[in-house]
Amino acid sequence: MTDTGDLYEGPLHSRHAEAGATFAPFGGWSMPVQYTGTVAEHTATRTTVGLFDVSHLGKALVSGPGAAEFVNSCLTNDLDRISAGSAQYTLCCDESGGVVDDLIAYRVSDSEIFLIPNAANTAEVVRRLQAAAAERAPDVSITDEHRSRAVIAVQGPLAGEVLGALGLPTDLDYMAFVDADWNGRSVRICRTGYTGEYGFEVLPAWDEAGPLWDALAEQVLSREGALCGLGARDSLRTEAGYPLHGNELSVDLSPLEARCAWAIGWDKPSFWGREELLRQKEAGPARRVYALQVTGRGVLRAGQTVRADGREVGVTSSGTFSPTLRTGIALAFVDLDAGLKKGDEVIVDVRGREVPCRLAVPPLVEIRTR
């Protein structure tokens, strides 16, 4: 990995540059924002197939006797709900119930859990796990493996065709994973994604990612798919109502407000933030994330005031243009005491201009993970 100023570069950076990508900083990394254009890349993912490099995502390995039990006592979701060969969305919370990070946990075995945190939060997640292990699980080791593997996402209706053309396994249930061989190289393949589409995330070794990216790109482009950047990834996840840490999730935001209570194993005897989250569950959140769809003209952004009946009732946390719906959309925290419901009209203040929107419960598009 090379260092450009203060930004890190992933193992496929030179390939993105050669393909004409434009770059921007994200989570401390130089990331491709778009190649041919965000709308075209977004549409390709919804209709054919899109190829994303998300190697900036963190990786951490928890290993040793009782690793699964240890992780289960720290993170919110219940690892005992899944077996070896399955992955799970979960949260790393602090004692206040705030979200340090949201991540995917791969259950390899009872003694090995592979984690994929967000890029900027990897070091903190690892630090917290290491501190906890030192106190109560000395036989469990936690290793930051941020640059151990690349992460390549193949998303869209034709994602299975693309992998199948390379001889890679595709007969996986949603959130299942398998370790496979491609041209003598070990590759981990998981039926996950961040687009709301059927798809896979493929994890080759960091230094072996180039040839696999080239082969996948050839198959994607031959099917009228697209190489996709951060712009399309954000518009796709916003349509799908998926939270982004730093927007819908943070140490100052509760997972109950973000509609992530389903990722909490409420019956578990322990996990970080359990007491406070149980208190919040009993009391009920004061606000909750809703989706907004512009009914007039305008593109919404984060941090804009939401009004109803002349009073402030919330604030947008994410906003973009939806190529699927052909209008502006947003996610927003809305006060529950406002008494609003799905279909109600609200107003968003866009730099002093009132933009009418319809309130909705996310997602705004059909989720097609199977």
Protein backbone atom coordinates (compact mmCIF):
# COMPACT_ATOMS: atom_id res chain seq x y z
CA MET A 1 0.00 0.00 0.00
CA THR A 2 1.27 3.47 -0.86
CA ASP A 3 0.68 6.75 0.90
CA THR A 4 -0.58 9.81 -1.00
CA GLY A 5 -0.36 12.77 1.33
CA ASP A 6 -2.46 11.77 4.34
CA LEU A 7 -4.58 9.31 2.33
CA TYR A 8 -4.04 5.59 1.95
CA GLU A 9 -4.42 3.80 -1.36
CA GLY A 10 -5.88 0.34 -1.82
CA PRO A 11 -4.32 -2.48 -3.85
CA LEU A 12 -6.36 -1.62 -6.95
CA HIS A 13 -5.75 2.14 -6.99
CA SER A 14 -3.65 2.15 -10.18
CA ARG A 15 -6.33 0.16 -12.00
CA HIS A 16 -8.98 2.71 -11.04
CA ALA A 17 -6.79 5.53 -12.28
CA GLU A 18 -6.21 3.73 -15.59
CA ALA A 19 -9.97 3.25 -15.93
CA GLY A 20 -10.52 7.01 -15.64
CA ALA A 21 -11.89 7.16 -12.10
CA THR A 22 -12.11 10.41 -10.19
CA PHE A 23 -11.04 10.18 -6.55
CA ALA A 24 -12.02 11.69 -3.22
CA PRO A 25 -11.04 11.09 0.42
CA PHE A 26 -13.24 8.77 2.47
CA GLY A 27 -12.40 7.33 5.88
CA GLY A 28 -8.73 8.24 5.39
CA TRP A 29 -8.51 6.51 2.00
CA SER A 30 -8.34 7.75 -1.57
CA MET A 31 -11.50 6.26 -3.08
CA PRO A 32 -12.87 6.18 -6.64
CA VAL A 33 -16.00 8.35 -6.66
CA GLN A 34 -17.09 7.59 -10.20
CA TYR A 35 -15.89 6.30 -13.56
CA THR A 36 -18.48 7.10 -16.25
CA GLY A 37 -20.94 8.86 -13.92
CA THR A 38 -22.82 8.10 -10.73
CA VAL A 39 -26.26 7.82 -12.33
CA ALA A 40 -25.08 5.36 -14.98
CA GLU A 41 -23.19 3.28 -12.41
CA HIS A 42 -26.15 3.26 -10.04
CA THR A 43 -28.54 2.22 -12.83
CA ALA A 44 -26.24 -0.55 -14.02
CA THR A 45 -26.19 -2.02 -10.51
CA ARG A 46 -29.98 -1.99 -10.31
CA THR A 47 -30.49 -3.43 -13.81
CA THR A 48 -27.43 -5.54 -14.71
CA VAL A 49 -24.36 -5.60 -12.47
CA GLY A 50 -21.92 -3.23 -10.80
CA LEU A 51 -18.36 -3.84 -9.60
CA PHE A 52 -17.11 -1.97 -6.52
CA ASP A 53 -13.72 -1.86 -4.83
CA VAL A 54 -14.31 -1.49 -1.08
CA SER A 55 -10.91 -2.73 0.05
CA HIS A 56 -10.70 0.27 2.39
CA LEU A 57 -13.02 -1.59 4.76
CA GLY A 58 -11.27 -2.84 7.87
CA LYS A 59 -10.51 -6.46 8.70
CA ALA A 60 -9.79 -7.96 12.10
CA LEU A 61 -9.30 -11.51 13.29
CA VAL A 62 -10.45 -12.76 16.69
CA SER A 63 -8.95 -16.19 17.36
CA GLY A 64 -8.32 -18.65 20.15
CA PRO A 65 -10.35 -20.89 22.44
CA GLY A 66 -13.75 -19.32 23.07
CA ALA A 67 -13.34 -16.57 20.43
CA ALA A 68 -16.99 -16.73 19.38
CA GLU A 69 -18.20 -16.64 22.97
CA PHE A 70 -15.95 -13.66 23.68
CA VAL A 71 -17.12 -11.67 20.64
CA ASN A 72 -20.71 -12.50 21.51
CA SER A 73 -20.22 -10.94 24.94
CA CYS A 74 -19.00 -7.69 23.36
CA LEU A 75 -20.97 -6.99 20.18
CA THR A 76 -24.74 -6.53 20.12
CA ASN A 77 -26.11 -9.21 17.82
CA ASP A 78 -26.33 -12.83 18.96
CA LEU A 79 -23.64 -14.91 17.28
CA ASP A 80 -25.37 -18.04 18.54
CA ARG A 81 -28.11 -17.35 16.00
CA ILE A 82 -25.72 -18.36 13.22
CA SER A 83 -23.42 -21.31 12.59
CA ALA A 84 -19.98 -21.65 11.03
CA GLY A 85 -20.07 -20.46 7.42
CA SER A 86 -22.48 -17.60 8.08
CA ALA A 87 -22.00 -13.87 8.59
CA GLN A 88 -23.96 -11.43 10.72
CA TYR A 89 -24.53 -7.68 10.87
CA THR A 90 -23.76 -6.39 14.36
CA LEU A 91 -22.85 -3.28 16.33
CA CYS A 92 -19.98 -2.27 18.58
CA CYS A 93 -21.55 0.02 21.18
CA ASP A 94 -20.14 1.93 24.13
CA GLU A 95 -21.52 2.15 27.66
CA SER A 96 -23.83 5.03 26.64
CA GLY A 97 -25.50 2.88 23.99
CA GLY A 98 -23.89 4.89 21.19
CA VAL A 99 -22.52 3.08 18.16
CA VAL A 100 -18.73 2.98 17.91
CA ASP A 101 -19.12 1.07 14.64
CA ASP A 102 -21.38 -1.24 12.68
CA LEU A 103 -19.68 -4.25 11.17
CA ILE A 104 -20.02 -7.73 9.70
CA ALA A 105 -18.91 -10.74 11.76
CA TYR A 106 -17.97 -13.93 9.88
CA ARG A 107 -18.29 -17.04 12.05
CA VAL A 108 -15.49 -19.27 10.73
CA SER A 109 -15.58 -21.54 13.79
CA ASP A 110 -16.05 -21.35 17.54
CA SER A 111 -12.41 -20.33 17.79
CA GLU A 112 -12.24 -17.90 14.84
CA ILE A 113 -14.33 -14.83 14.07
CA PHE A 114 -13.41 -12.58 11.13
CA LEU A 115 -14.65 -8.99 11.40
CA ILE A 116 -15.15 -6.30 8.77
CA PRO A 117 -15.50 -2.89 10.47
CA ASN A 118 -15.66 0.47 8.74
CA ALA A 119 -12.29 1.81 7.63
CA ALA A 120 -12.00 4.77 9.98
CA ASN A 121 -13.20 2.78 13.00
CA THR A 122 -11.09 -0.37 12.67
CA ALA A 123 -8.35 0.69 15.09
CA GLU A 124 -10.88 1.65 17.77
CA VAL A 125 -12.86 -1.60 17.43
CA VAL A 126 -9.63 -3.59 17.68
CA ARG A 127 -8.47 -1.54 20.68
CA ARG A 128 -11.70 -2.15 22.57
CA LEU A 129 -11.66 -5.87 21.85
CA GLN A 130 -8.01 -6.17 22.85
CA ALA A 131 -8.64 -4.36 26.12
CA ALA A 132 -11.60 -6.58 26.94
CA ALA A 133 -9.68 -9.76 26.05
CA ALA A 134 -6.76 -8.76 28.27
CA GLU A 135 -9.16 -8.52 31.21
CA ARG A 136 -11.29 -11.63 30.75
CA ALA A 137 -10.18 -13.76 27.78
CA PRO A 138 -6.37 -13.94 27.80
CA ASP A 139 -6.33 -16.91 25.41
CA VAL A 140 -8.14 -14.91 22.74
CA SER A 141 -6.06 -12.76 20.40
CA ILE A 142 -7.33 -9.85 18.30
CA THR A 143 -5.28 -8.89 15.25
CA ASP A 144 -5.75 -5.85 13.03
CA GLU A 145 -5.63 -7.32 9.51
CA HIS A 146 -6.73 -4.19 7.65
CA ARG A 147 -4.47 -4.94 4.69
CA SER A 148 -4.76 -8.73 4.74
CA ARG A 149 -7.53 -8.91 2.16
CA ALA A 150 -9.09 -6.76 -0.53
CA VAL A 151 -12.90 -6.52 -0.71
CA ILE A 152 -14.55 -6.53 -4.14
CA ALA A 153 -18.34 -6.21 -4.30
CA VAL A 154 -20.24 -7.67 -7.26
CA GLN A 155 -23.80 -6.37 -7.01
CA GLY A 156 -26.88 -6.57 -9.17
CA PRO A 157 -29.21 -9.05 -10.90
CA LEU A 158 -26.37 -10.57 -12.97
CA ALA A 159 -23.88 -10.86 -10.10
CA GLY A 160 -24.24 -14.64 -9.99
CA GLU A 161 -23.52 -14.91 -13.71
CA VAL A 162 -20.32 -12.93 -13.28
CA LEU A 163 -18.97 -15.13 -10.50
CA GLY A 164 -20.14 -18.29 -12.21
CA ALA A 165 -18.25 -17.37 -15.37
CA LEU A 166 -15.05 -17.46 -13.31
CA GLY A 167 -15.90 -20.81 -11.78
CA LEU A 168 -16.62 -19.28 -8.38
CA PRO A 169 -19.42 -20.68 -6.19
CA THR A 170 -22.73 -18.79 -6.21
CA ASP A 171 -25.15 -21.21 -4.55
CA LEU A 172 -25.04 -19.46 -1.19
CA ASP A 173 -27.83 -18.35 1.11
CA TYR A 174 -27.96 -14.68 2.02
CA MET A 175 -25.19 -13.90 4.57
CA ALA A 176 -23.50 -17.27 4.02
CA PHE A 177 -19.83 -17.44 3.01
CA VAL A 178 -17.38 -19.99 1.68
CA ASP A 179 -13.65 -20.14 1.05
CA ALA A 180 -12.96 -21.08 -2.57
CA ASP A 181 -10.07 -21.42 -4.98
CA TRP A 182 -9.55 -19.24 -8.05
CA ASN A 183 -6.51 -19.93 -10.23
CA GLY A 184 -4.70 -21.41 -7.26
CA ARG A 185 -5.54 -18.45 -5.00
CA SER A 186 -7.74 -18.62 -1.91
CA VAL A 187 -10.78 -16.35 -2.09
CA ARG A 188 -13.49 -15.83 0.53
CA ILE A 189 -16.94 -15.25 -0.99
CA CYS A 190 -19.93 -13.97 0.98
CA ARG A 191 -23.52 -13.28 -0.06
CA THR A 192 -23.50 -9.77 1.32
CA GLY A 193 -23.57 -6.22 0.01
CA TYR A 194 -24.50 -2.62 0.69
CA THR A 195 -26.70 -1.83 -2.29
CA GLY A 196 -30.03 -3.56 -1.61
CA GLU A 197 -29.36 -5.83 -4.59
CA TYR A 198 -28.57 -9.49 -5.00
CA GLY A 199 -24.81 -9.76 -4.86
CA PHE A 200 -21.57 -10.97 -3.38
CA GLU A 201 -18.50 -9.61 -1.64
CA VAL A 202 -15.30 -11.33 -2.75
CA LEU A 203 -12.23 -11.21 -0.51
CA PRO A 204 -8.92 -12.20 -2.13
CA ALA A 205 -5.54 -11.66 -0.49
CA TRP A 206 -4.55 -7.98 -0.63
CA ASP A 207 -1.55 -8.56 -2.89
CA GLU A 208 -3.46 -10.94 -5.18
CA ALA A 209 -6.50 -8.74 -5.85
CA GLY A 210 -5.42 -7.30 -9.21
CA PRO A 211 -5.90 -10.35 -11.50
CA LEU A 212 -9.25 -11.18 -9.91
CA TRP A 213 -10.47 -7.58 -10.32
CA ASP A 214 -9.44 -7.68 -13.99
CA ALA A 215 -11.31 -10.95 -14.58
CA LEU A 216 -14.43 -9.73 -12.79
CA ALA A 217 -14.34 -6.39 -14.62
CA GLU A 218 -14.16 -8.16 -17.98
CA GLN A 219 -17.25 -10.21 -17.13
CA VAL A 220 -19.14 -7.21 -15.72
CA LEU A 221 -18.47 -4.99 -18.73
CA SER A 222 -19.37 -7.77 -21.18
CA ARG A 223 -22.86 -7.77 -19.61
CA GLU A 224 -23.34 -4.00 -19.99
CA GLY A 225 -22.52 -3.56 -16.31
CA ALA A 226 -20.27 -0.90 -14.84
CA LEU A 227 -17.28 -0.23 -12.66
CA CYS A 228 -18.79 1.74 -9.79
CA GLY A 229 -17.49 4.31 -7.34
CA LEU A 230 -18.37 5.78 -3.99
CA GLY A 231 -21.09 8.00 -5.46
CA ALA A 232 -23.20 5.09 -6.68
CA ARG A 233 -22.53 3.14 -3.50
CA ASP A 234 -23.99 6.01 -1.48
CA SER A 235 -27.07 6.58 -3.64
CA LEU A 236 -27.78 2.83 -3.72
CA ARG A 237 -27.52 2.43 0.06
CA THR A 238 -29.65 5.54 0.67
CA GLU A 239 -32.43 4.18 -1.56
CA ALA A 240 -32.18 0.92 0.38
CA GLY A 241 -32.32 2.74 3.72
CA TYR A 242 -29.01 1.30 4.93
CA PRO A 243 -27.32 3.39 7.64
CA LEU A 244 -23.90 4.94 7.20
CA HIS A 245 -21.72 5.33 10.27
CA GLY A 246 -21.18 9.02 10.85
CA ASN A 247 -24.63 9.81 9.43
CA GLU A 248 -27.29 7.48 10.82
CA LEU A 249 -25.03 5.79 13.37
CA SER A 250 -22.46 7.27 15.76
CA VAL A 251 -21.48 7.33 19.42
CA ASP A 252 -24.04 10.13 19.81
CA LEU A 253 -26.86 8.20 18.13
CA SER A 254 -28.76 5.20 19.43
CA PRO A 255 -29.30 2.10 17.27
CA LEU A 256 -32.96 2.28 18.30
CA GLU A 257 -33.22 5.70 16.64
CA ALA A 258 -31.55 4.28 13.52
CA ARG A 259 -33.98 1.31 13.23
CA CYS A 260 -31.19 -1.14 14.09
CA ALA A 261 -32.81 -2.73 17.15
CA TRP A 262 -33.09 -5.95 15.11
CA ALA A 263 -29.28 -6.22 15.30
CA ILE A 264 -29.35 -6.48 19.11
CA GLY A 265 -29.54 -9.80 20.95
CA TRP A 266 -31.79 -8.50 23.70
CA ASP A 267 -31.89 -11.84 25.54
CA LYS A 268 -28.10 -12.18 25.76
CA PRO A 269 -26.69 -11.79 29.28
CA SER A 270 -24.00 -9.35 28.19
CA PHE A 271 -22.87 -7.03 25.41
CA TRP A 272 -21.39 -3.55 25.46
CA GLY A 273 -24.04 -0.93 26.21
CA ARG A 274 -26.63 -3.52 27.25
CA GLU A 275 -27.98 -1.74 30.35
CA GLU A 276 -28.42 1.61 28.62
CA LEU A 277 -29.94 0.07 25.50
CA LEU A 278 -32.42 -1.91 27.59
CA ARG A 279 -33.36 1.34 29.33
CA GLN A 280 -33.86 3.04 25.96
CA LYS A 281 -35.93 0.12 24.72
CA GLU A 282 -38.18 0.38 27.76
CA ALA A 283 -38.56 4.16 27.45
CA GLY A 284 -38.78 4.18 23.65
CA PRO A 285 -36.71 6.48 21.42
CA ALA A 286 -37.67 10.13 21.07
CA ARG A 287 -36.97 10.08 17.34
CA ARG A 288 -36.47 7.60 14.55
CA VAL A 289 -34.99 7.48 11.06
CA TYR A 290 -37.47 7.94 8.23
CA ALA A 291 -36.98 8.24 4.49
CA LEU A 292 -37.96 11.34 2.55
CA GLN A 293 -38.89 11.53 -1.12
CA VAL A 294 -38.95 14.95 -2.76
CA THR A 295 -42.31 15.67 -4.40
CA GLY A 296 -41.27 19.03 -5.86
CA ARG A 297 -37.82 20.00 -7.06
CA GLY A 298 -34.57 19.82 -5.16
CA VAL A 299 -31.76 17.56 -3.99
CA LEU A 300 -31.43 17.03 -0.26
CA ARG A 301 -28.22 16.85 1.77
CA ALA A 302 -27.36 15.96 5.35
CA GLY A 303 -27.95 18.50 8.11
CA GLN A 304 -31.06 20.17 6.69
CA THR A 305 -34.06 21.06 8.88
CA VAL A 306 -37.30 19.12 8.46
CA ARG A 307 -40.55 20.95 9.26
CA ALA A 308 -44.21 20.00 9.52
CA ASP A 309 -47.10 22.33 10.26
CA GLY A 310 -44.66 25.20 10.63
CA ARG A 311 -42.46 23.65 13.33
CA GLU A 312 -39.15 21.83 13.31
CA VAL A 313 -39.62 18.08 13.59
CA GLY A 314 -36.28 16.66 12.48
CA VAL A 315 -33.06 16.86 10.54
CA THR A 316 -31.72 15.03 7.49
CA SER A 317 -28.80 12.67 8.07
CA SER A 318 -28.14 11.68 4.43
CA GLY A 319 -29.38 13.08 1.15
CA THR A 320 -28.85 12.49 -2.55
CA PHE A 321 -30.53 12.19 -5.95
CA SER A 322 -32.22 8.84 -6.57
CA PRO A 323 -31.61 7.60 -10.14
CA THR A 324 -34.24 4.88 -9.59
CA LEU A 325 -36.99 7.23 -8.40
CA ARG A 326 -35.75 10.20 -10.45
CA THR A 327 -36.06 12.60 -7.55
CA GLY A 328 -34.26 13.77 -4.44
CA ILE A 329 -34.30 11.48 -1.41
CA ALA A 330 -32.99 11.55 2.14
CA LEU A 331 -32.83 9.76 5.44
CA ALA A 332 -33.84 11.91 8.39
CA PHE A 333 -34.25 11.69 12.14
CA VAL A 334 -37.87 12.67 12.86
CA ASP A 335 -39.31 13.43 16.31
CA LEU A 336 -41.91 10.81 17.21
CA ASP A 337 -43.99 13.28 19.23
CA ALA A 338 -44.73 15.09 15.96
CA GLY A 339 -47.26 12.35 15.28
CA LEU A 340 -46.26 11.96 11.65
CA LYS A 341 -46.89 8.81 9.65
CA LYS A 342 -45.98 7.28 6.31
CA GLY A 343 -47.29 9.39 3.44
CA ASP A 344 -47.45 12.67 5.36
CA GLU A 345 -45.96 15.77 3.73
CA VAL A 346 -43.05 17.59 5.32
CA ILE A 347 -40.90 20.51 4.25
CA VAL A 348 -37.10 20.49 4.12
CA ASP A 349 -35.21 23.77 4.32
CA VAL A 350 -32.69 23.68 1.45
CA ARG A 351 -30.59 26.83 1.84
CA GLY A 352 -33.68 28.91 2.64
CA ARG A 353 -35.92 27.29 0.03
CA GLU A 354 -38.82 25.08 1.10
CA VAL A 355 -38.72 21.70 -0.63
CA PRO A 356 -41.85 19.54 -0.18
CA CYS A 357 -41.27 15.86 0.60
CA ARG A 358 -43.30 12.77 1.37
CA LEU A 359 -42.47 10.80 4.53
CA ALA A 360 -41.76 7.10 4.07
CA VAL A 361 -40.48 4.13 6.02
CA PRO A 362 -37.21 2.91 4.50
CA PRO A 363 -36.40 1.30 2.15
CA LEU A 364 -37.55 3.43 -0.77
CA VAL A 365 -36.88 0.60 -3.26
CA GLU A 366 -37.42 -3.14 -3.19
CA ILE A 367 -34.62 -4.97 -1.40
CA ARG A 368 -33.45 -7.89 -3.54
CA THR A 369 -30.92 -9.76 -1.46
CA ARG A 370 -32.12 -13.19 -2.62
